[in-house]
Amino acid sequence: MQLFKTKLLFSVLFTIKNIWKKKWISNGINIQNESVYKEKEILYLPFSFYYVSDIKLDLQNYTADIFLETIGKKQILEEEIKKGKEIIYNEKEKIVEAKK
């Protein structure tokens, strides 16, 4: 505990709610069968975006629980960025996409 106080370091736990719809490109790959501990595990891919839905700080115990939700996409954004396109958040569909 002393190290946390002197260095102001927190123990952080991320909880991710994976939101996916038909025709969306998945943000993650299920690797549960590969897990040493057979836990529910998802490997999140680069260019995954998240909405911070809640943060719970416990200043006495130097812990932080951060709750995230994935933001969907319908296209491979890396390819669009290579073409020079900008990416934007589409509030109506709640996805990240290349600007037209």
C-alpha atoms as a PDB file:
ATOM      1  CA  MET A   1       0.000   0.000   0.000  1.00  0.00           C
ATOM      2  CA  GLN A   2       2.871   2.366   0.758  1.00  0.00           C
ATOM      3  CA  LEU A   3       4.111   2.177  -2.863  1.00  0.00           C
ATOM      4  CA  PHE A   4       0.638   3.132  -4.114  1.00  0.00           C
ATOM      5  CA  LYS A   5       0.544   6.148  -1.782  1.00  0.00           C
ATOM      6  CA  THR A   6       4.034   7.450  -2.494  1.00  0.00           C
ATOM      7  CA  LYS A   7       3.887   6.942  -6.264  1.00  0.00           C
ATOM      8  CA  LEU A   8       0.116   7.560  -6.624  1.00  0.00           C
ATOM      9  CA  LEU A   9      -0.255   4.255  -8.492  1.00  0.00           C
ATOM     10  CA  PHE A  10      -3.662   2.634  -8.822  1.00  0.00           C
ATOM     11  CA  SER A  11      -4.684  -0.947  -9.420  1.00  0.00           C
ATOM     12  CA  VAL A  12      -6.981  -0.715 -12.464  1.00  0.00           C
ATOM     13  CA  LEU A  13      -9.566  -3.226 -13.650  1.00  0.00           C
ATOM     14  CA  PHE A  14     -11.156  -2.784 -17.090  1.00  0.00           C
ATOM     15  CA  THR A  15     -14.545  -4.404 -17.704  1.00  0.00           C
ATOM     16  CA  ILE A  16     -15.465  -4.428 -21.393  1.00  0.00           C
ATOM     17  CA  LYS A  17     -18.959  -5.020 -22.727  1.00  0.00           C
ATOM     18  CA  ASN A  18     -18.543  -6.221 -26.301  1.00  0.00           C
ATOM     19  CA  ILE A  19     -21.349  -4.797 -28.460  1.00  0.00           C
ATOM     20  CA  TRP A  20     -21.763  -6.359 -31.875  1.00  0.00           C
ATOM     21  CA  LYS A  21     -24.467  -6.331 -34.555  1.00  0.00           C
ATOM     22  CA  LYS A  22     -24.996  -8.161 -37.820  1.00  0.00           C
ATOM     23  CA  LYS A  23     -22.823  -6.782 -40.663  1.00  0.00           C
ATOM     24  CA  TRP A  24     -20.364  -5.198 -38.211  1.00  0.00           C
ATOM     25  CA  ILE A  25     -16.698  -6.155 -38.179  1.00  0.00           C
ATOM     26  CA  SER A  26     -15.856  -7.740 -34.856  1.00  0.00           C
ATOM     27  CA  ASN A  27     -13.598  -5.799 -32.493  1.00  0.00           C
ATOM     28  CA  GLY A  28     -12.276  -8.969 -30.920  1.00  0.00           C
ATOM     29  CA  ILE A  29     -11.437 -12.621 -31.343  1.00  0.00           C
ATOM     30  CA  ASN A  30     -12.671 -15.204 -28.866  1.00  0.00           C
ATOM     31  CA  ILE A  31      -9.565 -16.995 -27.517  1.00  0.00           C
ATOM     32  CA  GLN A  32     -11.282 -18.842 -24.674  1.00  0.00           C
ATOM     33  CA  ASN A  33     -10.242 -22.240 -26.100  1.00  0.00           C
ATOM     34  CA  GLU A  34      -6.607 -21.090 -26.091  1.00  0.00           C
ATOM     35  CA  SER A  35      -6.709 -19.799 -22.523  1.00  0.00           C
ATOM     36  CA  VAL A  36      -4.480 -21.595 -20.034  1.00  0.00           C
ATOM     37  CA  TYR A  37      -7.129 -21.019 -17.359  1.00  0.00           C
ATOM     38  CA  LYS A  38     -10.119 -21.619 -19.690  1.00  0.00           C
ATOM     39  CA  GLU A  39     -11.463 -18.188 -18.812  1.00  0.00           C
ATOM     40  CA  LYS A  40     -13.740 -16.148 -21.034  1.00  0.00           C
ATOM     41  CA  GLU A  41     -11.138 -14.193 -23.024  1.00  0.00           C
ATOM     42  CA  ILE A  42     -11.390 -11.898 -26.016  1.00  0.00           C
ATOM     43  CA  LEU A  43      -8.340 -10.503 -27.788  1.00  0.00           C
ATOM     44  CA  TYR A  44      -9.244  -6.969 -28.879  1.00  0.00           C
ATOM     45  CA  LEU A  45      -7.843  -5.875 -32.213  1.00  0.00           C
ATOM     46  CA  PRO A  46      -6.059  -2.653 -33.162  1.00  0.00           C
ATOM     47  CA  PHE A  47      -8.415   0.136 -34.218  1.00  0.00           C
ATOM     48  CA  SER A  48     -11.000  -0.912 -31.643  1.00  0.00           C
ATOM     49  CA  PHE A  49     -12.835   1.987 -30.068  1.00  0.00           C
ATOM     50  CA  TYR A  50     -14.548   2.183 -26.692  1.00  0.00           C
ATOM     51  CA  TYR A  51     -17.144   4.252 -24.881  1.00  0.00           C
ATOM     52  CA  VAL A  52     -16.359   4.848 -21.203  1.00  0.00           C
ATOM     53  CA  SER A  53     -19.665   4.066 -19.500  1.00  0.00           C
ATOM     54  CA  ASP A  54     -18.524   4.370 -15.875  1.00  0.00           C
ATOM     55  CA  ILE A  55     -15.493   4.849 -13.625  1.00  0.00           C
ATOM     56  CA  LYS A  56     -15.428   3.853  -9.977  1.00  0.00           C
ATOM     57  CA  LEU A  57     -12.501   5.163  -7.959  1.00  0.00           C
ATOM     58  CA  ASP A  58     -11.635   3.955  -4.480  1.00  0.00           C
ATOM     59  CA  LEU A  59      -9.126   6.542  -3.254  1.00  0.00           C
ATOM     60  CA  GLN A  60      -8.563   4.803   0.075  1.00  0.00           C
ATOM     61  CA  ASN A  61      -7.523   1.502  -1.538  1.00  0.00           C
ATOM     62  CA  TYR A  62      -5.990   3.010  -4.685  1.00  0.00           C
ATOM     63  CA  THR A  63      -8.204   1.042  -7.043  1.00  0.00           C
ATOM     64  CA  ALA A  64     -10.086   2.050 -10.178  1.00  0.00           C
ATOM     65  CA  ASP A  65     -12.753   0.076 -12.009  1.00  0.00           C
ATOM     66  CA  ILE A  66     -13.273   1.319 -15.562  1.00  0.00           C
ATOM     67  CA  PHE A  67     -16.299   0.118 -17.522  1.00  0.00           C
ATOM     68  CA  LEU A  68     -16.091   0.238 -21.325  1.00  0.00           C
ATOM     69  CA  GLU A  69     -18.395  -0.636 -24.228  1.00  0.00           C
ATOM     70  CA  THR A  70     -17.033  -1.405 -27.680  1.00  0.00           C
ATOM     71  CA  ILE A  71     -18.011   0.895 -30.548  1.00  0.00           C
ATOM     72  CA  GLY A  72     -18.832  -0.923 -33.780  1.00  0.00           C
ATOM     73  CA  LYS A  73     -17.516  -0.547 -37.304  1.00  0.00           C
ATOM     74  CA  LYS A  74     -18.651  -1.771 -40.723  1.00  0.00           C
ATOM     75  CA  GLN A  75     -15.390  -1.313 -42.588  1.00  0.00           C
ATOM     76  CA  ILE A  76     -11.700  -1.945 -42.075  1.00  0.00           C
ATOM     77  CA  LEU A  77     -10.643   1.498 -40.922  1.00  0.00           C
ATOM     78  CA  GLU A  78      -6.911   0.945 -41.454  1.00  0.00           C
ATOM     79  CA  GLU A  79      -7.490   0.645 -45.210  1.00  0.00           C
ATOM     80  CA  GLU A  80      -9.520   3.844 -45.300  1.00  0.00           C
ATOM     81  CA  ILE A  81      -6.868   5.748 -43.325  1.00  0.00           C
ATOM     82  CA  LYS A  82      -4.203   4.550 -45.788  1.00  0.00           C
ATOM     83  CA  LYS A  83      -6.325   6.133 -48.541  1.00  0.00           C
ATOM     84  CA  GLY A  84      -6.138   9.435 -46.649  1.00  0.00           C
ATOM     85  CA  LYS A  85      -9.669   9.373 -45.273  1.00  0.00           C
ATOM     86  CA  GLU A  86     -10.554  10.751 -41.862  1.00  0.00           C
ATOM     87  CA  ILE A  87     -12.469   8.610 -39.367  1.00  0.00           C
ATOM     88  CA  ILE A  88     -15.524   9.905 -37.521  1.00  0.00           C
ATOM     89  CA  TYR A  89     -18.097   8.711 -35.000  1.00  0.00           C
ATOM     90  CA  ASN A  90     -21.539   8.194 -36.536  1.00  0.00           C
ATOM     91  CA  GLU A  91     -23.895   9.015 -33.638  1.00  0.00           C
ATOM     92  CA  LYS A  92     -26.983   7.730 -35.449  1.00  0.00           C
ATOM     93  CA  GLU A  93     -25.595   4.215 -35.993  1.00  0.00           C
ATOM     94  CA  LYS A  94     -23.185   4.335 -33.029  1.00  0.00           C
ATOM     95  CA  ILE A  95     -20.226   3.227 -35.145  1.00  0.00           C
ATOM     96  CA  VAL A  96     -16.838   4.575 -36.199  1.00  0.00           C
ATOM     97  CA  GLU A  97     -16.507   4.983 -39.970  1.00  0.00           C
ATOM     98  CA  ALA A  98     -14.477   6.680 -42.667  1.00  0.00           C
ATOM     99  CA  LYS A  99     -15.647  10.167 -43.559  1.00  0.00           C
ATOM    100  CA  LYS A 100     -17.202  10.219 -47.015  1.00  0.00           C
END
